[in-house]
Amino acid sequence: MRKIVLAINLVILSIIPAHYPYASDNRSEIMTLNGIIIDQACAEEHKSDILSYIKNHTKECALKPGNQARGYSLITPDMEVTPFAPKSNPKIVAYLKQTKNKMRVTVKARLINGQLVFITITNIITPKIKPKTQTVKK
């Protein structure tokens, strides 16, 4: 009897992920990542020189219709290129179309099956460093 119950449980557990591909969405932790958004077309085309390429990559290029269709990735400071899940692309396009928004971003996302599932995106805020004032002793 125990073997039958165990076998049924194993069958049920093996079926659930196949029918519910996003069942793990709520279990993956939310990550906060800093990086640069790049469209997949440019990321693949400039794979060998990505470091020098991203310095001049523009929002206008990322927003070209063909590039939008290919999707987006995030390049982190350690030069890891992680793609966004296709369902994140409309939100990224809407973000990039706003003139105040930049390509350097802070993203909150879940990493599911090697893709970032977008939650929020904001410009990276670089703190302004005030020079120290020196006092002159007399």
N, C-alpha and C. Protein backbone atom coordinates (compact mmCIF):
# COMPACT_ATOMS: atom_id res chain seq x y z
N MET A 1 0.81 -1.19 0.00
CA MET A 1 0.00 0.00 0.00
C MET A 1 0.86 1.26 0.00
N ARG A 2 1.92 1.26 0.82
CA ARG A 2 2.82 2.42 0.87
C ARG A 2 3.46 2.67 -0.49
N LYS A 3 3.85 1.61 -1.17
CA LYS A 3 4.48 1.74 -2.47
C LYS A 3 3.53 2.37 -3.48
N ILE A 4 2.27 2.02 -3.41
CA ILE A 4 1.28 2.58 -4.33
C ILE A 4 1.10 4.07 -4.06
N VAL A 5 0.99 4.46 -2.79
CA VAL A 5 0.83 5.86 -2.42
C VAL A 5 2.07 6.66 -2.85
N LEU A 6 3.24 6.11 -2.62
CA LEU A 6 4.48 6.76 -3.02
C LEU A 6 4.54 6.93 -4.54
N ALA A 7 4.15 5.91 -5.27
CA ALA A 7 4.16 5.98 -6.73
C ALA A 7 3.19 7.04 -7.24
N ILE A 8 2.02 7.12 -6.64
CA ILE A 8 1.03 8.13 -7.03
C ILE A 8 1.57 9.53 -6.75
N ASN A 9 2.18 9.73 -5.59
CA ASN A 9 2.76 11.04 -5.26
C ASN A 9 3.85 11.44 -6.24
N LEU A 10 4.69 10.51 -6.62
CA LEU A 10 5.76 10.81 -7.57
C LEU A 10 5.19 11.19 -8.93
N VAL A 11 4.15 10.52 -9.37
CA VAL A 11 3.52 10.84 -10.65
C VAL A 11 2.91 12.23 -10.59
N ILE A 12 2.21 12.53 -9.51
CA ILE A 12 1.59 13.85 -9.36
C ILE A 12 2.66 14.94 -9.36
N LEU A 13 3.74 14.75 -8.61
CA LEU A 13 4.81 15.75 -8.56
C LEU A 13 5.50 15.93 -9.90
N SER A 14 5.60 14.90 -10.69
CA SER A 14 6.26 15.03 -11.99
C SER A 14 5.34 15.70 -13.02
N ILE A 15 4.03 15.65 -12.83
CA ILE A 15 3.08 16.26 -13.76
C ILE A 15 2.94 17.76 -13.51
N ILE A 16 2.97 18.20 -12.27
CA ILE A 16 2.71 19.61 -11.93
C ILE A 16 3.61 20.58 -12.70
N PRO A 17 4.94 20.43 -12.71
CA PRO A 17 5.75 21.40 -13.44
C PRO A 17 5.45 21.44 -14.94
N ALA A 18 5.07 20.33 -15.53
CA ALA A 18 4.78 20.31 -16.95
C ALA A 18 3.53 21.11 -17.29
N HIS A 19 2.56 21.09 -16.42
CA HIS A 19 1.31 21.80 -16.67
C HIS A 19 1.32 23.23 -16.17
N TYR A 20 2.18 23.53 -15.25
CA TYR A 20 2.24 24.87 -14.67
C TYR A 20 3.67 25.40 -14.75
N PRO A 21 4.09 25.88 -15.93
CA PRO A 21 5.49 26.30 -16.10
C PRO A 21 5.88 27.48 -15.23
N TYR A 22 4.91 28.28 -14.78
CA TYR A 22 5.26 29.42 -13.93
C TYR A 22 4.98 29.13 -12.47
N ALA A 23 4.84 27.87 -12.12
CA ALA A 23 4.57 27.51 -10.73
C ALA A 23 5.71 27.93 -9.82
N SER A 24 6.92 28.00 -10.36
CA SER A 24 8.07 28.37 -9.53
C SER A 24 8.26 29.87 -9.41
N ASP A 25 7.47 30.69 -10.13
CA ASP A 25 7.63 32.14 -10.10
C ASP A 25 7.66 32.70 -8.69
N ASN A 26 6.76 32.27 -7.84
CA ASN A 26 6.68 32.83 -6.51
C ASN A 26 7.75 32.30 -5.57
N ARG A 27 8.45 31.27 -5.98
CA ARG A 27 9.47 30.69 -5.10
C ARG A 27 10.85 31.28 -5.33
N SER A 28 11.11 31.83 -6.53
CA SER A 28 12.44 32.40 -6.77
C SER A 28 12.51 33.76 -6.08
N GLU A 29 13.66 34.05 -5.55
CA GLU A 29 13.83 35.30 -4.81
C GLU A 29 13.93 36.49 -5.74
N ILE A 30 13.48 37.63 -5.25
CA ILE A 30 13.61 38.87 -6.01
C ILE A 30 15.05 39.33 -5.90
N MET A 31 15.65 39.63 -7.05
CA MET A 31 17.04 40.08 -7.10
C MET A 31 17.05 41.55 -7.48
N THR A 32 18.01 42.28 -6.93
CA THR A 32 18.23 43.67 -7.34
C THR A 32 19.57 43.71 -8.05
N LEU A 33 19.55 44.12 -9.32
CA LEU A 33 20.75 44.12 -10.14
C LEU A 33 20.97 45.49 -10.76
N ASN A 34 22.21 45.92 -10.82
CA ASN A 34 22.58 47.12 -11.55
C ASN A 34 23.19 46.68 -12.87
N GLY A 35 22.95 47.45 -13.91
CA GLY A 35 23.54 47.09 -15.19
C GLY A 35 23.09 48.02 -16.30
N ILE A 36 23.36 47.57 -17.51
CA ILE A 36 23.03 48.34 -18.71
C ILE A 36 22.11 47.49 -19.57
N ILE A 37 21.02 48.10 -20.00
CA ILE A 37 20.10 47.40 -20.90
C ILE A 37 20.68 47.42 -22.31
N ILE A 38 20.59 46.28 -22.97
CA ILE A 38 21.00 46.18 -24.36
C ILE A 38 20.01 45.27 -25.07
N ASP A 39 19.74 45.57 -26.32
CA ASP A 39 18.85 44.70 -27.09
C ASP A 39 19.62 43.45 -27.50
N GLN A 40 18.88 42.36 -27.63
CA GLN A 40 19.50 41.07 -27.95
C GLN A 40 20.23 41.09 -29.29
N ALA A 41 19.69 41.82 -30.26
CA ALA A 41 20.32 41.87 -31.58
C ALA A 41 21.74 42.42 -31.48
N CYS A 42 21.89 43.55 -30.77
CA CYS A 42 23.22 44.16 -30.63
C CYS A 42 24.12 43.32 -29.72
N ALA A 43 23.54 42.73 -28.68
CA ALA A 43 24.33 41.90 -27.77
C ALA A 43 24.95 40.72 -28.51
N GLU A 44 24.18 40.09 -29.39
CA GLU A 44 24.69 38.95 -30.14
C GLU A 44 25.68 39.39 -31.23
N GLU A 45 25.37 40.50 -31.89
CA GLU A 45 26.24 40.98 -32.97
C GLU A 45 27.60 41.44 -32.44
N HIS A 46 27.63 41.99 -31.24
CA HIS A 46 28.87 42.56 -30.69
C HIS A 46 29.36 41.76 -29.49
N LYS A 47 29.12 40.48 -29.51
CA LYS A 47 29.52 39.60 -28.40
C LYS A 47 31.01 39.71 -28.09
N SER A 48 31.83 39.79 -29.11
CA SER A 48 33.29 39.79 -28.90
C SER A 48 33.82 41.13 -28.41
N ASP A 49 33.11 42.23 -28.69
CA ASP A 49 33.58 43.55 -28.26
C ASP A 49 32.51 44.30 -27.45
N ILE A 50 31.76 43.55 -26.65
CA ILE A 50 30.61 44.12 -25.93
C ILE A 50 31.01 45.25 -24.99
N LEU A 51 32.17 45.15 -24.36
CA LEU A 51 32.61 46.19 -23.42
C LEU A 51 32.77 47.54 -24.10
N SER A 52 33.42 47.56 -25.24
CA SER A 52 33.59 48.83 -25.94
C SER A 52 32.29 49.26 -26.64
N TYR A 53 31.48 48.30 -27.06
CA TYR A 53 30.24 48.63 -27.76
C TYR A 53 29.23 49.31 -26.85
N ILE A 54 29.06 48.83 -25.63
CA ILE A 54 28.01 49.39 -24.77
C ILE A 54 28.28 50.83 -24.36
N LYS A 55 29.51 51.28 -24.49
CA LYS A 55 29.82 52.67 -24.15
C LYS A 55 29.09 53.65 -25.08
N ASN A 56 28.82 53.22 -26.31
CA ASN A 56 28.19 54.10 -27.30
C ASN A 56 26.82 53.62 -27.75
N HIS A 57 26.32 52.56 -27.16
CA HIS A 57 25.01 52.03 -27.55
C HIS A 57 23.92 52.99 -27.08
N THR A 58 22.94 53.27 -27.93
CA THR A 58 21.93 54.28 -27.62
C THR A 58 20.54 53.67 -27.42
N LYS A 59 19.68 54.46 -26.78
CA LYS A 59 18.28 54.06 -26.63
C LYS A 59 17.61 53.97 -28.00
N GLU A 60 17.98 54.89 -28.89
CA GLU A 60 17.39 54.89 -30.23
C GLU A 60 17.64 53.56 -30.94
N CYS A 61 18.84 53.03 -30.78
CA CYS A 61 19.16 51.74 -31.38
C CYS A 61 18.34 50.63 -30.72
N ALA A 62 18.28 50.65 -29.41
CA ALA A 62 17.54 49.62 -28.67
C ALA A 62 16.05 49.65 -28.99
N LEU A 63 15.54 50.82 -29.38
CA LEU A 63 14.11 50.96 -29.67
C LEU A 63 13.74 50.75 -31.14
N LYS A 64 14.70 50.42 -31.98
CA LYS A 64 14.36 50.11 -33.38
C LYS A 64 13.43 48.90 -33.38
N PRO A 65 12.42 48.92 -34.24
CA PRO A 65 11.42 47.83 -34.23
C PRO A 65 12.02 46.43 -34.29
N GLY A 66 13.03 46.23 -35.13
CA GLY A 66 13.65 44.91 -35.22
C GLY A 66 14.35 44.51 -33.93
N ASN A 67 14.95 45.48 -33.27
CA ASN A 67 15.64 45.20 -32.02
C ASN A 67 14.65 44.96 -30.89
N GLN A 68 13.53 45.69 -30.89
CA GLN A 68 12.49 45.45 -29.88
C GLN A 68 11.97 44.02 -29.99
N ALA A 69 11.79 43.58 -31.22
CA ALA A 69 11.24 42.24 -31.44
C ALA A 69 12.15 41.13 -30.92
N ARG A 70 13.45 41.37 -30.92
CA ARG A 70 14.41 40.36 -30.46
C ARG A 70 14.49 40.28 -28.94
N GLY A 71 14.06 41.34 -28.24
CA GLY A 71 14.09 41.32 -26.79
C GLY A 71 15.31 42.03 -26.23
N TYR A 72 15.46 41.95 -24.90
CA TYR A 72 16.50 42.71 -24.20
C TYR A 72 17.25 41.84 -23.20
N SER A 73 18.43 42.32 -22.84
CA SER A 73 19.26 41.68 -21.83
C SER A 73 19.78 42.75 -20.89
N LEU A 74 20.31 42.32 -19.77
CA LEU A 74 20.96 43.20 -18.82
C LEU A 74 22.42 42.79 -18.74
N ILE A 75 23.31 43.76 -18.93
CA ILE A 75 24.75 43.51 -18.78
C ILE A 75 25.14 44.03 -17.41
N THR A 76 25.59 43.15 -16.54
CA THR A 76 25.96 43.52 -15.18
C THR A 76 27.41 44.00 -15.15
N PRO A 77 27.83 44.64 -14.05
CA PRO A 77 29.22 45.15 -13.98
C PRO A 77 30.29 44.08 -14.19
N ASP A 78 29.98 42.82 -13.89
CA ASP A 78 30.96 41.75 -14.12
C ASP A 78 30.86 41.18 -15.54
N MET A 79 30.15 41.93 -16.43
CA MET A 79 30.00 41.64 -17.86
C MET A 79 29.18 40.38 -18.15
N GLU A 80 28.35 39.98 -17.21
CA GLU A 80 27.44 38.87 -17.45
C GLU A 80 26.22 39.40 -18.20
N VAL A 81 25.86 38.75 -19.28
CA VAL A 81 24.71 39.16 -20.10
C VAL A 81 23.57 38.19 -19.80
N THR A 82 22.50 38.71 -19.18
CA THR A 82 21.36 37.87 -18.81
C THR A 82 20.13 38.38 -19.54
N PRO A 83 19.47 37.51 -20.31
CA PRO A 83 18.30 37.96 -21.06
C PRO A 83 17.08 38.15 -20.16
N PHE A 84 16.21 39.06 -20.58
CA PHE A 84 14.92 39.22 -19.93
C PHE A 84 13.95 38.23 -20.57
N ALA A 85 13.01 37.74 -19.81
CA ALA A 85 11.96 36.88 -20.34
C ALA A 85 11.13 37.68 -21.34
N PRO A 86 10.62 37.04 -22.39
CA PRO A 86 9.83 37.76 -23.39
C PRO A 86 8.67 38.57 -22.81
N LYS A 87 8.06 38.08 -21.74
CA LYS A 87 6.93 38.82 -21.18
C LYS A 87 7.36 40.12 -20.51
N SER A 88 8.67 40.33 -20.32
CA SER A 88 9.19 41.57 -19.73
C SER A 88 9.41 42.66 -20.77
N ASN A 89 9.51 42.28 -22.03
CA ASN A 89 9.88 43.23 -23.09
C ASN A 89 8.97 44.45 -23.22
N PRO A 90 7.65 44.31 -23.18
CA PRO A 90 6.81 45.51 -23.31
C PRO A 90 7.07 46.54 -22.20
N LYS A 91 7.36 46.08 -21.00
CA LYS A 91 7.65 47.00 -19.90
C LYS A 91 8.99 47.71 -20.12
N ILE A 92 9.95 47.00 -20.66
CA ILE A 92 11.27 47.59 -20.92
C ILE A 92 11.15 48.62 -22.04
N VAL A 93 10.39 48.32 -23.08
CA VAL A 93 10.18 49.27 -24.18
C VAL A 93 9.51 50.54 -23.64
N ALA A 94 8.48 50.37 -22.81
CA ALA A 94 7.79 51.53 -22.24
C ALA A 94 8.74 52.37 -21.39
N TYR A 95 9.61 51.71 -20.63
CA TYR A 95 10.61 52.42 -19.82
C TYR A 95 11.56 53.21 -20.71
N LEU A 96 12.09 52.58 -21.75
CA LEU A 96 13.08 53.23 -22.62
C LEU A 96 12.48 54.38 -23.43
N LYS A 97 11.20 54.34 -23.71
CA LYS A 97 10.57 55.40 -24.49
C LYS A 97 10.41 56.70 -23.70
N GLN A 98 10.52 56.62 -22.39
CA GLN A 98 10.44 57.84 -21.58
C GLN A 98 11.77 58.56 -21.68
N THR A 99 11.75 59.84 -22.08
CA THR A 99 12.99 60.58 -22.35
C THR A 99 13.90 60.69 -21.13
N LYS A 100 13.37 60.74 -19.94
CA LYS A 100 14.20 60.90 -18.74
C LYS A 100 14.95 59.62 -18.37
N ASN A 101 14.54 58.50 -18.92
CA ASN A 101 15.15 57.23 -18.53
C ASN A 101 16.40 56.92 -19.33
N LYS A 102 17.33 56.28 -18.65
CA LYS A 102 18.65 55.96 -19.22
C LYS A 102 18.80 54.46 -19.41
N MET A 103 19.90 54.07 -20.03
CA MET A 103 20.20 52.65 -20.25
C MET A 103 20.85 52.01 -19.02
N ARG A 104 21.48 52.82 -18.17
CA ARG A 104 22.07 52.31 -16.92
C ARG A 104 20.97 52.26 -15.88
N VAL A 105 20.69 51.06 -15.38
CA VAL A 105 19.50 50.87 -14.57
C VAL A 105 19.75 50.01 -13.33
N THR A 106 18.80 50.10 -12.42
CA THR A 106 18.67 49.16 -11.32
C THR A 106 17.38 48.40 -11.59
N VAL A 107 17.47 47.09 -11.63
CA VAL A 107 16.33 46.23 -11.96
C VAL A 107 16.04 45.33 -10.77
N LYS A 108 14.76 45.20 -10.46
CA LYS A 108 14.33 44.16 -9.53
C LYS A 108 13.64 43.12 -10.40
N ALA A 109 14.07 41.88 -10.26
CA ALA A 109 13.54 40.81 -11.11
C ALA A 109 13.72 39.47 -10.42
N ARG A 110 13.05 38.49 -10.97
CA ARG A 110 13.24 37.10 -10.55
C ARG A 110 13.99 36.40 -11.68
N LEU A 111 14.93 35.54 -11.33
CA LEU A 111 15.65 34.76 -12.33
C LEU A 111 14.97 33.41 -12.44
N ILE A 112 14.32 33.17 -13.58
CA ILE A 112 13.58 31.93 -13.80
C ILE A 112 14.05 31.32 -15.11
N ASN A 113 14.54 30.10 -15.03
CA ASN A 113 15.04 29.38 -16.22
C ASN A 113 16.06 30.20 -16.99
N GLY A 114 16.95 30.90 -16.29
CA GLY A 114 18.01 31.65 -16.92
C GLY A 114 17.60 32.99 -17.50
N GLN A 115 16.34 33.40 -17.27
CA GLN A 115 15.85 34.67 -17.78
C GLN A 115 15.33 35.53 -16.64
N LEU A 116 15.52 36.84 -16.79
CA LEU A 116 15.04 37.78 -15.79
C LEU A 116 13.57 38.10 -16.05
N VAL A 117 12.75 37.89 -15.05
CA VAL A 117 11.34 38.27 -15.14
C VAL A 117 11.21 39.59 -14.39
N PHE A 118 10.99 40.61 -15.15
CA PHE A 118 10.98 42.00 -14.75
C PHE A 118 9.94 42.27 -13.66
N ILE A 119 10.34 43.05 -12.64
CA ILE A 119 9.40 43.54 -11.64
C ILE A 119 9.40 45.06 -11.66
N THR A 120 10.56 45.68 -11.41
CA THR A 120 10.68 47.14 -11.50
C THR A 120 12.00 47.51 -12.15
N ILE A 121 12.04 48.72 -12.66
CA ILE A 121 13.26 49.23 -13.28
C ILE A 121 13.34 50.73 -13.00
N THR A 122 14.54 51.19 -12.62
CA THR A 122 14.76 52.61 -12.37
C THR A 122 16.14 52.99 -12.87
N ASN A 123 16.33 54.30 -13.10
CA ASN A 123 17.65 54.79 -13.44
C ASN A 123 18.58 54.56 -12.26
N ILE A 124 19.84 54.26 -12.55
CA ILE A 124 20.83 54.19 -11.48
C ILE A 124 21.08 55.61 -11.01
N ILE A 125 20.97 55.80 -9.74
CA ILE A 125 21.22 57.13 -9.18
C ILE A 125 22.64 57.15 -8.67
N THR A 126 23.46 57.97 -9.30
CA THR A 126 24.85 58.10 -8.91
C THR A 126 24.94 59.19 -7.85
N PRO A 127 25.41 58.83 -6.67
CA PRO A 127 25.50 59.86 -5.64
C PRO A 127 26.53 60.92 -6.01
N LYS A 128 26.19 62.14 -5.74
CA LYS A 128 27.13 63.23 -6.01
C LYS A 128 28.10 63.29 -4.84
N ILE A 129 29.36 63.33 -5.17
CA ILE A 129 30.40 63.37 -4.14
C ILE A 129 30.87 64.81 -4.01
N LYS A 130 30.74 65.29 -2.82
CA LYS A 130 31.18 66.65 -2.58
C LYS A 130 32.64 66.62 -2.16
N PRO A 131 33.44 67.49 -2.75
CA PRO A 131 34.86 67.52 -2.35
C PRO A 131 34.98 67.99 -0.91
N LYS A 132 35.94 67.40 -0.23
CA LYS A 132 36.17 67.81 1.15
C LYS A 132 36.76 69.22 1.16
N THR A 133 36.29 69.99 2.08
CA THR A 133 36.85 71.33 2.23
C THR A 133 37.97 71.24 3.25
N GLN A 134 39.02 71.88 2.93
CA GLN A 134 40.17 71.85 3.84
C GLN A 134 40.22 73.15 4.64
N THR A 135 40.50 72.98 5.88
CA THR A 135 40.67 74.17 6.70
C THR A 135 42.16 74.46 6.80
N VAL A 136 42.47 75.70 6.67
CA VAL A 136 43.87 76.11 6.71
C VAL A 136 44.16 76.62 8.13
N LYS A 137 45.17 75.99 8.74
CA LYS A 137 45.56 76.43 10.09
C LYS A 137 46.58 77.53 9.98
N LYS A 138 46.38 78.52 10.81
CA LYS A 138 47.31 79.64 10.79
C LYS A 138 48.14 79.66 12.02
